[in-house]
Structures are given as structure tokens and as C-alpha cells.
Amino acid sequence: MTRQQVLDLYFMDARCKLIDLAAFLDRVDRGTGEADFRLSALQDSLKALSGAEPLRAKTVLLTLSDPTLEPAAKALGKGAVGAWPGAN
């Protein structure tokens, strides 16, 4: 597809997601107490979007992922949290 076709097809969806992310960050900022590792991981991931480097999606995914090669002996919780707590 041409860039124009990609923009025509996907721009409104990306715009919506960007506004949703901005609203989420505003809600976090208005909250009280300390943020945990997930906010730092998200902020680190957002840096990948500001550049023109290829493979931004891969960079974001790797920023949020556990880079260890060995399986954990015990789960840290009952469910996934979306970011690796050891990253920061």
C-alpha cells in the first residue's frame, strides 16, 4: 500500500488510541500515591514512538517484555501485569 492508503485506512484508529493513551496518562497524573514499574515501562516504550527508527512495534514489545532466558521458579502473582517488573 502507499502511505496515503495506509493513512486513509488506519489514521482514525491510531488517532483514537493516541487520545485514549493521553487520557490514561492524565488519569495517572491526577492519581495519588506512587506509581509502580508499569508507568516507567510505558514511558520508556513511548520513547520508541518519537523517533523514525524502523521496527517501533518490536522495540515497544521488547521494552515491556521479560528479557530473561531462564524460567522463573515461582510466579510473582496470579496474572500477567503487562510489563516486566525487573526492567527498572
C-alpha atoms as a PDB file:
ATOM      1  CA  MET A   1       0.000   0.000   0.000  1.00  0.00           C
ATOM      2  CA  THR A   2       1.026   3.581  -0.446  1.00  0.00           C
ATOM      3  CA  ARG A   3       1.470   5.846   2.580  1.00  0.00           C
ATOM      4  CA  GLN A   4      -1.698   7.657   1.562  1.00  0.00           C
ATOM      5  CA  GLN A   5      -3.639   4.371   1.536  1.00  0.00           C
ATOM      6  CA  VAL A   6      -2.270   3.421   4.965  1.00  0.00           C
ATOM      7  CA  LEU A   7      -3.240   6.842   6.324  1.00  0.00           C
ATOM      8  CA  ASP A   8      -6.692   6.629   4.768  1.00  0.00           C
ATOM      9  CA  LEU A   9      -7.291   3.191   6.240  1.00  0.00           C
ATOM     10  CA  TYR A  10      -5.707   3.396   9.696  1.00  0.00           C
ATOM     11  CA  PHE A  11      -5.359   7.037  10.764  1.00  0.00           C
ATOM     12  CA  MET A  12      -8.638   7.377  12.655  1.00  0.00           C
ATOM     13  CA  ASP A  13      -7.991   4.180  14.622  1.00  0.00           C
ATOM     14  CA  ALA A  14      -4.462   5.317  15.553  1.00  0.00           C
ATOM     15  CA  ARG A  15      -5.802   8.766  16.479  1.00  0.00           C
ATOM     16  CA  CYS A  16      -8.353   7.188  18.809  1.00  0.00           C
ATOM     17  CA  LYS A  17      -5.711   5.050  20.505  1.00  0.00           C
ATOM     18  CA  LEU A  18      -3.409   8.026  20.938  1.00  0.00           C
ATOM     19  CA  ILE A  19      -6.165  10.089  22.572  1.00  0.00           C
ATOM     20  CA  ASP A  20      -7.043   7.124  24.797  1.00  0.00           C
ATOM     21  CA  LEU A  21      -3.401   6.813  25.882  1.00  0.00           C
ATOM     22  CA  ALA A  22      -3.198  10.541  26.618  1.00  0.00           C
ATOM     23  CA  ALA A  23      -6.374  10.306  28.722  1.00  0.00           C
ATOM     24  CA  PHE A  24      -4.926   7.322  30.615  1.00  0.00           C
ATOM     25  CA  LEU A  25      -1.740   9.240  31.411  1.00  0.00           C
ATOM     26  CA  ASP A  26      -3.810  12.228  32.561  1.00  0.00           C
ATOM     27  CA  ARG A  27      -5.735   9.938  34.945  1.00  0.00           C
ATOM     28  CA  VAL A  28      -2.471   8.512  36.300  1.00  0.00           C
ATOM     29  CA  ASP A  29      -1.128  12.039  36.842  1.00  0.00           C
ATOM     30  CA  ARG A  30      -4.265  13.031  38.758  1.00  0.00           C
ATOM     31  CA  GLY A  31      -3.994   9.950  40.972  1.00  0.00           C
ATOM     32  CA  THR A  32      -2.404   9.960  44.382  1.00  0.00           C
ATOM     33  CA  GLY A  33       0.419   7.822  45.694  1.00  0.00           C
ATOM     34  CA  GLU A  34       3.416   6.374  43.933  1.00  0.00           C
ATOM     35  CA  ALA A  35       3.297   4.715  40.528  1.00  0.00           C
ATOM     36  CA  ASP A  36       4.887   1.314  40.050  1.00  0.00           C
ATOM     37  CA  PHE A  37       7.175  -0.137  37.390  1.00  0.00           C
ATOM     38  CA  ARG A  38       4.396  -0.254  34.787  1.00  0.00           C
ATOM     39  CA  LEU A  39       4.325   3.516  34.359  1.00  0.00           C
ATOM     40  CA  SER A  40       8.098   3.634  33.881  1.00  0.00           C
ATOM     41  CA  ALA A  41       7.915   0.803  31.344  1.00  0.00           C
ATOM     42  CA  LEU A  42       5.147   2.579  29.455  1.00  0.00           C
ATOM     43  CA  GLN A  43       7.090   5.841  29.422  1.00  0.00           C
ATOM     44  CA  ASP A  44      10.178   4.022  28.147  1.00  0.00           C
ATOM     45  CA  SER A  45       8.068   2.437  25.422  1.00  0.00           C
ATOM     46  CA  LEU A  46       6.675   5.792  24.336  1.00  0.00           C
ATOM     47  CA  LYS A  47      10.200   6.988  23.563  1.00  0.00           C
ATOM     48  CA  ALA A  48      10.343   4.464  20.721  1.00  0.00           C
ATOM     49  CA  LEU A  49       7.393   6.195  19.062  1.00  0.00           C
ATOM     50  CA  SER A  50       9.028   9.598  18.865  1.00  0.00           C
ATOM     51  CA  GLY A  51      11.850   8.534  16.566  1.00  0.00           C
ATOM     52  CA  ALA A  52      11.877   7.457  12.958  1.00  0.00           C
ATOM     53  CA  GLU A  53      13.675   4.190  13.619  1.00  0.00           C
ATOM     54  CA  PRO A  54      12.206   1.107  11.966  1.00  0.00           C
ATOM     55  CA  LEU A  55      10.600  -1.664  13.983  1.00  0.00           C
ATOM     56  CA  ARG A  56       8.956   0.581  16.589  1.00  0.00           C
ATOM     57  CA  ALA A  57       6.440  -2.140  17.468  1.00  0.00           C
ATOM     58  CA  LYS A  58       9.271  -4.595  18.171  1.00  0.00           C
ATOM     59  CA  THR A  59      11.079  -2.034  20.334  1.00  0.00           C
ATOM     60  CA  VAL A  60       7.925  -1.326  22.351  1.00  0.00           C
ATOM     61  CA  LEU A  61       7.237  -5.032  22.828  1.00  0.00           C
ATOM     62  CA  LEU A  62      10.808  -5.713  23.958  1.00  0.00           C
ATOM     63  CA  THR A  63      10.692  -2.758  26.365  1.00  0.00           C
ATOM     64  CA  LEU A  64       7.654  -4.287  28.076  1.00  0.00           C
ATOM     65  CA  SER A  65       8.862  -7.906  27.954  1.00  0.00           C
ATOM     66  CA  ASP A  66      10.861 -10.044  30.355  1.00  0.00           C
ATOM     67  CA  PRO A  67      14.308 -10.479  28.774  1.00  0.00           C
ATOM     68  CA  THR A  68      15.405 -13.369  30.988  1.00  0.00           C
ATOM     69  CA  LEU A  69      16.042 -16.736  29.400  1.00  0.00           C
ATOM     70  CA  GLU A  70      15.526 -18.986  32.411  1.00  0.00           C
ATOM     71  CA  PRO A  71      12.005 -19.761  33.622  1.00  0.00           C
ATOM     72  CA  ALA A  72      11.049 -18.296  36.971  1.00  0.00           C
ATOM     73  CA  ALA A  73      10.987 -20.773  39.842  1.00  0.00           C
ATOM     74  CA  LYS A  74       7.763 -19.238  41.136  1.00  0.00           C
ATOM     75  CA  ALA A  75       5.222 -16.868  39.623  1.00  0.00           C
ATOM     76  CA  LEU A  76       5.254 -13.380  41.097  1.00  0.00           C
ATOM     77  CA  GLY A  77       1.464 -13.186  41.054  1.00  0.00           C
ATOM     78  CA  LYS A  78      -1.681 -14.775  39.739  1.00  0.00           C
ATOM     79  CA  GLY A  79      -1.808 -12.979  36.410  1.00  0.00           C
ATOM     80  CA  ALA A  80       0.073 -11.005  33.841  1.00  0.00           C
ATOM     81  CA  VAL A  81       0.635  -7.313  34.503  1.00  0.00           C
ATOM     82  CA  GLY A  82       1.810  -6.257  31.041  1.00  0.00           C
ATOM     83  CA  ALA A  83       5.338  -5.157  31.891  1.00  0.00           C
ATOM     84  CA  TRP A  84       8.429  -6.707  33.399  1.00  0.00           C
ATOM     85  CA  PRO A  85       8.994  -5.518  36.986  1.00  0.00           C
ATOM     86  CA  GLY A  86      12.733  -6.053  36.784  1.00  0.00           C
ATOM     87  CA  ALA A  87      13.200  -3.631  33.904  1.00  0.00           C
ATOM     88  CA  ASN A  88      13.631  -0.583  36.142  1.00  0.00           C
END
